[in-house]
Amino acid sequence: MEYNTAQEKLVLPEYGRNVQRLIEFCKTIKDRDERNRFAEYVVYLMGGIANKNHSDQKHKLWYHFAMIANFDIDIDYPIDKPEPQELSAIPEKMPYPQNNISHRYYGRNIDGLIKKIVEMPDGEEKDILIKLTANHMKRLYVNWNRPQVSDEEIFNDMRKMSDNKIVIPDDLKLMYVTPQTPQKERKRSKKKYSKR
C-alpha cells in the first residue's frame, strides 16, 4: 500500500491526485492537437470538481491547470498564457473607508440615518423615523455603555450628530431598554440552573 505522504505533493489539493496525474499524462502526449483536446477535457473535469459559478471561472481553471503543470506544458491556451510571475505578484491594497464615526457605539448606519432624517421634509414620516432611530440608538447605547441612559442624553447625541438640524418632538418618549446579557453568560446561567 502506498501512503499519500510518500507520493508527490499535490500542487492544488482541491482538485485531487487524479487530476494532477491527468495533467502529467497530458504533458507526455506527442501530438499537439490531441494534447490540446486532452487539456480541454481535463479543465472541463476541473470545472466539475470546483463547482463554482464565478464570472471568471474559465480563466481561473486554465490558470490552475497551468499551475498544476508547473507552467511547463505546450498547449494553445484559450486565454492569455498564464505566467509563473503572476503567482508572486502582490495585489494592490484595497481602499478602506476612512469615515470617522462620531459615536462609535452607534455605528456608521446611525450616522447615515441621521443624515437622511436631516434631508427629509418636516412631517409625520420624519417624526416617526426620528422616534425609531432614537429608540434604536438607546438600545445600542445601553448594550455598549451602561445599563441605563436618559432619553435626554439620546436626544442630545442626536442633535450633536445632526449639527442641531434635527428638532426632537416635545412629546417624544423612548421605550425602556434592558441591557442584553452576552450569549456566553446566558449559556452559563442556563447550565447553572439546570443542574439544580
Foldseek 3Di string as FASTA:
>chain_A
DDDPVNDDDAQDPLQHDVLLVLLVVLQVDDDQVVSQVSLVVSLVSSCVSVVDDDPCSLVVSQLVSCVSNVVPHDHDRPDPRDDPVVVVDDDDDDDDDPDDDPDPLLHPVLLVLLVVLLVDDDDDVSLVSVQVSLQSSQLSCCQPPHQDDASVVSVVVSCVSNVNSDDHDPPRDHDHYGHDDPPVVVVVVVVVVVVD
